[in-house]
Protein backbone atom coordinates (compact mmCIF):
# COMPACT_ATOMS: atom_id res chain seq x y z
CA MET A 1 -117.61 140.22 184.25
CA ASP A 2 -114.67 137.89 183.84
CA GLU A 3 -114.56 135.30 186.63
CA SER A 4 -110.76 135.28 186.64
CA ILE A 5 -110.79 138.83 187.97
CA LEU A 6 -112.80 137.66 190.96
CA THR A 7 -110.39 134.88 191.90
CA ALA A 8 -109.74 134.85 195.64
CA PRO A 9 -106.15 135.33 196.84
CA SER A 10 -104.10 132.24 197.58
CA ILE A 11 -103.29 130.96 201.06
CA ASN A 12 -99.77 132.40 200.79
CA LEU A 13 -101.09 135.83 199.93
CA ARG A 14 -103.56 135.74 202.83
CA SER A 15 -101.03 134.75 205.49
CA ASN A 16 -99.92 137.09 208.29
CA ILE A 17 -102.83 139.48 208.00
CA ASN A 18 -105.85 140.49 210.03
CA LEU A 19 -108.87 138.95 208.29
CA GLN A 20 -110.99 141.95 209.37
CA GLN A 21 -113.92 139.80 210.47
CA GLN A 22 -115.28 142.72 212.49
CA SER A 23 -116.05 144.47 209.19
CA PRO A 24 -119.34 143.64 207.43
CA LEU A 25 -117.44 144.01 204.16
CA PHE A 26 -115.69 140.71 204.93
CA SER A 27 -117.94 139.00 207.47
CA VAL A 28 -121.36 139.66 205.90
CA LEU A 29 -121.03 140.37 202.18
CA PRO A 30 -120.38 137.41 199.86
CA ALA A 31 -117.03 137.48 198.06
CA GLU A 32 -118.80 138.02 194.72
CA ILE A 33 -120.51 141.21 195.96
CA ARG A 34 -117.30 142.43 197.55
CA SER A 35 -115.45 141.88 194.30
CA LEU A 36 -118.07 143.88 192.40
CA ILE A 37 -117.54 146.77 194.82
CA PHE A 38 -113.78 146.55 194.43
CA THR A 39 -114.09 146.38 190.65
CA CYS A 40 -116.25 149.50 190.57
CA ALA A 41 -113.85 151.37 192.85
CA LEU A 42 -110.70 150.38 190.95
CA THR A 43 -111.82 150.81 187.34
CA ASP A 44 -109.90 153.62 185.64
CA TYR A 45 -111.60 156.86 184.62
CA GLU A 46 -110.93 160.23 183.01
CA ASP A 47 -109.59 162.64 185.62
CA ILE A 48 -110.91 165.88 184.14
CA THR A 49 -110.33 167.73 187.43
CA GLN A 50 -106.54 167.61 187.12
CA ASP A 51 -105.36 166.23 183.79
CA ALA A 52 -107.85 167.47 181.19
CA PHE A 53 -106.63 167.52 177.60
CA GLY A 54 -106.93 170.64 175.49
CA ARG A 55 -109.94 170.51 173.21
CA ASP A 56 -107.74 171.52 170.26
CA THR A 57 -105.40 168.52 170.60
CA TYR A 58 -105.36 165.60 168.18
CA TRP A 59 -106.10 163.11 171.00
CA TYR A 60 -109.13 164.78 172.61
CA ARG A 61 -112.23 162.64 172.08
CA PRO A 62 -115.02 160.84 174.02
CA GLY A 63 -113.46 158.67 176.71
CA TYR A 64 -110.15 160.49 176.32
CA GLN A 65 -110.88 164.05 177.39
CA ALA A 66 -108.29 163.69 180.16
CA LYS A 67 -105.59 161.36 181.36
CA ARG A 68 -107.03 158.17 182.78
CA ARG A 69 -106.23 157.27 186.35
CA THR A 70 -107.18 154.69 188.96
CA ALA A 71 -108.08 155.74 192.48
CA THR A 72 -105.78 153.40 194.43
CA GLU A 73 -106.62 154.78 197.87
CA LEU A 74 -108.66 151.63 198.52
CA LEU A 75 -105.53 149.48 198.37
CA ARG A 76 -104.04 151.42 201.28
CA THR A 77 -106.87 150.84 203.74
CA CYS A 78 -105.61 147.49 205.08
CA LYS A 79 -103.62 144.40 204.11
CA ARG A 80 -106.74 142.31 203.57
CA VAL A 81 -108.10 144.71 200.98
CA PHE A 82 -104.71 145.04 199.32
CA GLN A 83 -104.24 141.31 199.01
CA GLU A 84 -107.66 140.85 197.42
CA THR A 85 -107.34 143.76 195.01
CA TRP A 86 -103.68 144.50 194.22
CA PHE A 87 -104.00 143.16 190.65
CA LEU A 88 -107.26 144.94 189.76
CA PRO A 89 -105.83 148.33 188.73
CA PHE A 90 -103.71 146.54 186.13
CA ALA A 91 -106.37 144.05 185.02
CA LEU A 92 -109.23 146.55 184.72
CA ALA A 93 -107.45 149.52 183.13
CA GLU A 94 -107.75 150.17 179.42
CA HIS A 95 -104.07 150.29 178.47
CA CYS A 96 -103.59 152.81 175.71
CA PHE A 97 -100.84 153.06 173.10
CA PHE A 98 -100.21 155.73 170.47
CA LEU A 99 -98.62 154.60 167.22
CA THR A 100 -98.29 158.15 165.98
CA GLN A 101 -95.96 161.06 165.49
CA GLU A 102 -94.81 162.58 168.76
CA ASN A 103 -97.09 165.62 168.45
CA ARG A 104 -100.15 163.38 167.95
CA ALA A 105 -100.06 161.87 171.47
CA PRO A 106 -100.22 163.17 175.07
CA SER A 107 -96.85 164.07 176.56
CA LYS A 108 -96.76 161.23 179.11
CA HIS A 109 -98.45 158.40 177.26
CA VAL A 110 -97.39 154.79 177.82
CA THR A 111 -94.72 153.56 175.42
CA VAL A 112 -93.75 149.97 174.68
CA GLU A 113 -90.51 150.41 176.64
CA ARG A 114 -92.29 151.81 179.69
CA MET A 115 -94.82 148.99 179.57
CA LYS A 116 -92.02 146.41 179.41
CA GLU A 117 -90.52 147.84 182.60
CA TYR A 118 -93.93 147.91 184.29
CA LEU A 119 -94.72 144.32 183.32
CA THR A 120 -91.35 143.10 184.62
CA THR A 121 -91.92 144.79 187.98
CA LEU A 122 -95.50 143.53 188.22
CA ARG A 123 -94.52 139.98 187.28
CA GLU A 124 -91.80 139.86 189.94
CA PHE A 125 -94.20 141.17 192.57
CA ALA A 126 -96.89 138.65 191.62
CA ARG A 127 -94.52 135.71 191.78
CA ASN A 128 -93.03 136.82 195.09
CA GLN A 129 -96.40 137.45 196.69
CA ASP A 130 -98.54 134.73 195.22
CA GLY A 131 -96.27 132.40 193.29
CA MET A 132 -98.35 133.07 190.19
CA ASP A 133 -98.06 135.11 187.01
CA ILE A 134 -99.84 138.39 186.41
CA PRO A 135 -103.53 138.14 185.47
CA HIS A 136 -104.94 138.71 182.01
CA ILE A 137 -106.00 142.28 181.33
CA GLN A 138 -109.40 143.27 180.04
CA SER A 139 -108.54 145.61 177.21
CA ILE A 140 -106.04 147.70 175.30
CA ARG A 141 -106.65 150.52 172.86
CA VAL A 142 -104.31 151.53 170.06
CA PHE A 143 -104.55 154.94 168.44
CA ALA A 144 -102.68 154.65 165.16
CA GLN A 145 -101.89 156.85 162.21
CA LEU A 146 -102.12 154.72 159.11
CA TRP A 147 -98.46 155.11 158.20
CA ALA A 148 -97.59 153.49 161.56
CA LEU A 149 -100.33 150.85 161.51
CA GLU A 150 -99.36 149.70 158.03
CA ASP A 151 -95.87 148.98 159.36
CA SER A 152 -97.17 145.81 161.03
CA ARG A 153 -94.09 145.52 163.23
CA ARG A 154 -95.28 148.47 165.31
CA LEU A 155 -98.56 146.84 166.37
CA GLN A 156 -96.98 143.39 166.67
CA GLU A 157 -94.45 144.80 169.15
CA VAL A 158 -97.31 145.88 171.40
CA LEU A 159 -99.12 142.55 171.10
CA ASP A 160 -95.97 140.54 171.80
CA LEU A 161 -95.12 142.16 175.14
CA GLU A 162 -94.21 139.35 177.55
CA GLY A 163 -96.96 138.79 180.09
CA PHE A 164 -99.32 141.12 178.24
CA GLN A 165 -102.42 139.01 177.58
CA PRO A 166 -105.34 141.28 176.63
CA LYS A 167 -108.84 139.97 176.03
CA ASN A 168 -110.28 142.88 174.08
CA ILE A 169 -108.34 144.98 171.59
CA THR A 170 -109.60 148.21 170.03
CA ILE A 171 -107.82 149.97 167.18
CA THR A 172 -109.01 153.54 166.69
CA LEU A 173 -108.48 155.37 163.41
CA ARG A 174 -109.24 159.05 163.91
CA TYR A 175 -110.08 161.42 161.07
CA THR A 176 -106.60 162.94 161.17
CA ASP A 177 -104.98 159.47 161.14
CA PHE A 178 -106.01 158.76 157.56
CA TRP A 179 -103.71 159.30 154.61
CA TYR A 180 -103.94 162.81 153.13
CA TRP A 181 -106.92 163.92 155.18
CA GLU A 182 -105.56 167.46 154.74
CA HIS A 183 -106.26 167.18 151.01
CA ASP A 184 -109.68 165.54 151.38
CA ARG A 185 -108.48 162.41 149.60
CA PRO A 186 -110.82 159.36 149.45
CA MET A 187 -110.40 156.87 152.28
CA HIS A 188 -107.74 154.19 151.77
CA ILE A 189 -106.43 151.56 154.20
CA ASP A 190 -103.68 149.16 153.20
CA ALA A 191 -104.28 145.56 154.34
CA LYS A 192 -100.66 144.51 154.79
CA TRP A 193 -100.90 144.66 158.58
CA VAL A 194 -104.17 142.69 158.56
CA ASN A 195 -102.44 139.87 156.70
CA THR A 196 -99.32 139.76 158.86
CA VAL A 197 -100.24 140.69 162.45
CA ARG A 198 -101.03 137.79 164.78
CA PHE A 199 -102.99 138.49 167.94
CA PRO A 200 -102.34 136.79 171.30
CA SER A 201 -104.29 133.62 172.04
CA SER A 202 -105.93 135.46 174.96
CA VAL A 203 -107.85 137.79 172.63
CA SER A 204 -111.63 137.30 172.34
CA THR A 205 -112.68 140.45 170.46
CA ILE A 206 -110.95 142.80 168.02
CA SER A 207 -112.68 146.12 167.38
CA MET A 208 -111.89 148.90 164.94
CA ASP A 209 -113.21 152.46 165.11
CA PHE A 210 -113.41 154.18 161.71
CA GLU A 211 -113.85 157.91 162.27
CA MET A 212 -114.57 160.52 159.61
CA ILE A 213 -116.17 163.94 159.41
CA ASP A 214 -119.94 163.80 159.06
CA ARG A 215 -119.84 165.13 155.48
CA ARG A 216 -117.97 161.96 154.46
CA LYS A 217 -120.06 159.41 156.36
CA ASN A 218 -121.01 157.59 153.15
CA GLU A 219 -117.33 156.71 152.70
CA VAL A 220 -117.23 155.22 156.20
CA ASP A 221 -120.37 153.22 155.49
CA PHE A 222 -118.79 151.79 152.34
CA ILE A 223 -115.40 151.05 153.94
CA THR A 224 -116.86 149.37 157.03
CA ASP A 225 -119.17 147.20 154.94
CA LEU A 226 -116.15 146.13 152.90
CA ALA A 227 -114.06 145.46 156.02
CA THR A 228 -116.85 143.36 157.51
CA GLN A 229 -117.05 141.19 154.40
CA ARG A 230 -113.41 140.97 153.32
CA TRP A 231 -111.17 141.38 156.38
CA PHE A 232 -110.31 138.55 158.76
CA PHE A 233 -107.86 138.54 161.66
CA ARG A 234 -105.86 135.66 163.09
CA ARG A 235 -104.58 134.72 166.50
CA ALA A 236 -101.18 133.16 167.11
CA ASP A 237 -102.91 129.84 167.81
CA GLY A 238 -104.51 129.84 164.35
CA MET A 239 -108.02 130.92 165.35
CA ALA A 240 -109.63 133.11 162.69
CA PHE A 241 -111.82 136.11 163.52
CA ARG A 242 -114.66 137.37 161.37
CA ALA A 243 -117.04 140.32 161.65
CA SER A 244 -120.80 140.58 161.36
CA LYS A 245 -122.92 143.54 160.27
CA GLU A 246 -125.13 142.93 163.29
CA ASP A 247 -122.26 143.92 165.58
CA ILE A 248 -121.51 147.25 163.86
CA THR A 249 -122.29 150.30 166.00
CA THR A 250 -122.48 153.96 165.01
CA THR A 251 -121.63 156.92 167.23
CA ARG A 252 -121.30 160.65 166.71
CA TRP A 253 -119.51 163.38 168.57
CA THR A 254 -118.50 167.01 168.13
CA GLY A 255 -114.94 168.28 168.48
CA SER A 256 -112.83 171.34 167.78
CA SER A 257 -111.94 172.30 164.22
CA THR A 258 -108.50 173.51 165.32
CA PHE A 259 -105.48 171.20 164.98
CA ASN A 260 -101.87 172.22 165.46
CA LYS A 261 -102.89 175.90 165.72
CA SER A 262 -104.82 175.89 162.45
CA ARG A 263 -108.59 176.23 162.11
CA TRP A 264 -109.92 173.86 159.44
CA ILE A 265 -112.87 175.84 158.09
CA ARG A 266 -113.27 173.36 155.21
CA ASP A 267 -114.57 170.69 157.57
CA GLU A 268 -116.61 172.78 160.01
CA SER A 269 -120.22 171.99 160.84
CA ARG A 270 -120.47 175.21 162.86
CA PRO A 271 -117.91 177.88 163.76
CA ASN A 272 -114.94 176.13 165.39
CA GLU A 273 -116.71 172.75 165.50
CA ILE A 274 -116.53 169.53 163.48
CA ASP A 275 -119.17 166.80 163.69
CA TYR A 276 -117.66 163.32 163.58
CA TYR A 277 -119.21 160.07 162.41
CA VAL A 278 -117.73 156.85 163.83
CA LYS A 279 -118.49 153.25 162.94
CA THR A 280 -117.10 150.41 165.04
CA VAL A 281 -116.67 146.94 163.54
CA VAL A 282 -116.14 143.96 165.86
CA TRP A 283 -114.37 140.74 164.91
CA LYS A 284 -114.98 137.62 167.00
CA PRO A 285 -113.54 134.08 167.01
CA ALA A 286 -115.05 131.83 164.35
CA PRO A 287 -114.18 128.21 165.24
CA GLY A 288 -113.89 126.04 162.15
CA PHE A 289 -113.90 129.02 159.82
CA THR A 290 -111.17 129.01 157.17
CA PRO A 291 -110.73 132.33 155.37
CA PHE A 292 -110.35 132.11 151.60
CA ALA A 293 -111.44 128.45 151.53
CA SER A 294 -113.81 129.31 148.68
CA GLY A 295 -111.01 130.68 146.54
CA GLY A 296 -110.42 134.19 145.35
CA GLY A 297 -106.96 134.64 146.82
CA ASP A 298 -105.39 134.09 150.19
CA ARG A 299 -105.01 137.64 151.46
CA CYS A 300 -107.33 140.36 152.69
CA PRO A 301 -107.62 143.23 150.19
CA ASN A 302 -106.94 146.91 150.70
CA LEU A 303 -109.96 149.04 151.54
CA ASP A 304 -110.51 151.70 148.89
CA ILE A 305 -113.22 154.07 147.73
CA PRO A 306 -113.85 153.12 144.07
CA ALA A 307 -113.57 155.53 141.16
CA GLY A 308 -116.84 157.29 140.48
CA PHE A 309 -118.02 157.01 144.09
CA ALA A 310 -120.46 159.81 144.94
CA ARG A 311 -118.46 161.90 147.42
CA GLU A 312 -119.94 165.07 148.88
CA GLN A 313 -117.54 167.85 148.02
CA PRO A 314 -116.40 170.29 150.71
CA PRO A 315 -117.68 173.86 150.46
CA TYR A 316 -114.22 175.42 150.82
CA MET A 317 -111.70 173.78 148.54
CA ARG A 318 -110.02 176.87 147.20
CA GLU A 319 -106.89 178.42 148.65
CA PHE A 320 -108.00 178.70 152.25
CA THR A 321 -109.09 175.30 153.54
CA HIS A 322 -107.50 176.11 156.90
CA ILE A 323 -106.29 179.29 158.58
CA SER A 324 -103.64 179.64 161.26
CA VAL A 325 -104.92 180.90 164.60
CA ASP A 326 -102.20 183.57 164.52
CA ASP A 327 -103.48 184.91 161.19
CA LEU A 328 -107.03 185.08 162.51
CA GLU A 329 -105.78 187.22 165.37
CA THR A 330 -103.48 189.33 163.19
CA TYR A 331 -106.28 190.22 160.77
CA ASN A 332 -108.86 190.76 163.54
CA ILE A 333 -111.15 188.02 162.28
CA PRO A 334 -113.60 187.18 165.11
CA TYR A 335 -113.04 183.84 166.81
CA ASP A 336 -116.65 182.79 166.23
CA ALA A 337 -116.89 184.01 162.64
CA PRO A 338 -118.60 181.46 160.36
CA ALA A 339 -116.40 179.58 157.91
CA GLN A 340 -117.74 181.49 154.90
CA GLU A 341 -116.90 184.85 156.49
CA VAL A 342 -113.39 183.63 157.34
CA GLN A 343 -112.91 182.41 153.77
CA GLU A 344 -114.13 185.70 152.29
CA ALA A 345 -111.97 187.75 154.65
CA MET A 346 -108.84 185.78 153.78
CA MET A 347 -109.59 186.02 150.05
CA ARG A 348 -110.00 189.80 150.39
CA ILE A 349 -106.72 190.06 152.31
CA ALA A 350 -105.00 187.95 149.65
CA ARG A 351 -106.30 190.25 146.90
CA GLU A 352 -105.14 193.32 148.81
CA ARG A 353 -101.70 191.77 149.22
CA GLN A 354 -101.49 190.97 145.53
CA ALA A 355 -102.58 194.49 144.61
CA ALA A 356 -99.91 195.95 146.91
CA ILE A 357 -97.26 193.78 145.25
CA VAL A 358 -98.35 194.97 141.80
CA ARG A 359 -98.23 198.62 142.92
CA ARG A 360 -94.72 198.19 144.31
CA ARG A 361 -93.55 196.57 141.08
CA ARG A 362 -95.03 199.36 139.00
CA GLY A 363 -93.42 201.93 141.24
CA SER A 364 -90.07 200.20 140.94
CA LEU A 365 -90.35 200.13 137.14
CA GLY A 366 -91.27 203.83 137.06
CA GLN A 367 -88.13 204.75 138.96
CA HIS A 368 -85.97 203.08 136.30
CA VAL A 369 -87.62 204.71 133.28
């Protein structure tokens, strides 16, 4: 745990309050133990009881199955508790940003403009109460479609927020964030943003989640190995960050195969389910390290799957790679029908439609003979 989070309040902040010495929380427990309790109580969490996300949304995933909230009831118990903990909800929360199309993010997600307003209010409160600036935060997460991430100004705007000094930054690329995922195109990530974005001097780790469907995990393995070797990040103070294969982690999870009211049978592992394969690469400060000192250019390269790469082909690449939920209902195709049955049913319906069109045309020609 970061020691700065456990910093005791100043004399000014502790004035005019009851020190609550009758409570063992303050008179018996050491400040370090008390701070651990407060940290546990004020760390944000997924509130699945009230704000659960739909499983068929683009943003549903482990750790984000519901809106995150902080239980702030503790801050209202007494002035002593408030003055020791008022900054923790801000410092401990994982602040999340969506650099995506509007329909790819929850309806009430935090925007850059809203965060600017929040930071201004928080900074004024901190200076009035304690004469100090707001504390560093632990982490931010950025969900980004590649078209938005490759416009480096979008991410830089988040990182340059005044008073926003994160220590850990995670950039998550979901399967549906990649270019032309709908067409099963090979993975490609442009490096322009890597070469131009500068991270705050407060940053100590930069992580990237590379998510793909399980069928294409060999592409993720190749891309993450390449990113580990060839990509370097930089802080505003000049510090370079490099990654190590030893820090790569692999996770898996299962989600819905329905996006935007279409069931993607091409990618299903089971009826209505897609298995995902995620690799996380971590970049850390490398004092004294100078990228490109050995020659070979002065910019990080794009990440591409090379020609001839052995890609596992999807089983359903003909006309019906995905089916609208409305069509499934209209044609009485069972919700839990396997992908092959759905494909065959839609092909049969398409043939019947085509045959009906031919019959109508023949009938129309017969009337004019």
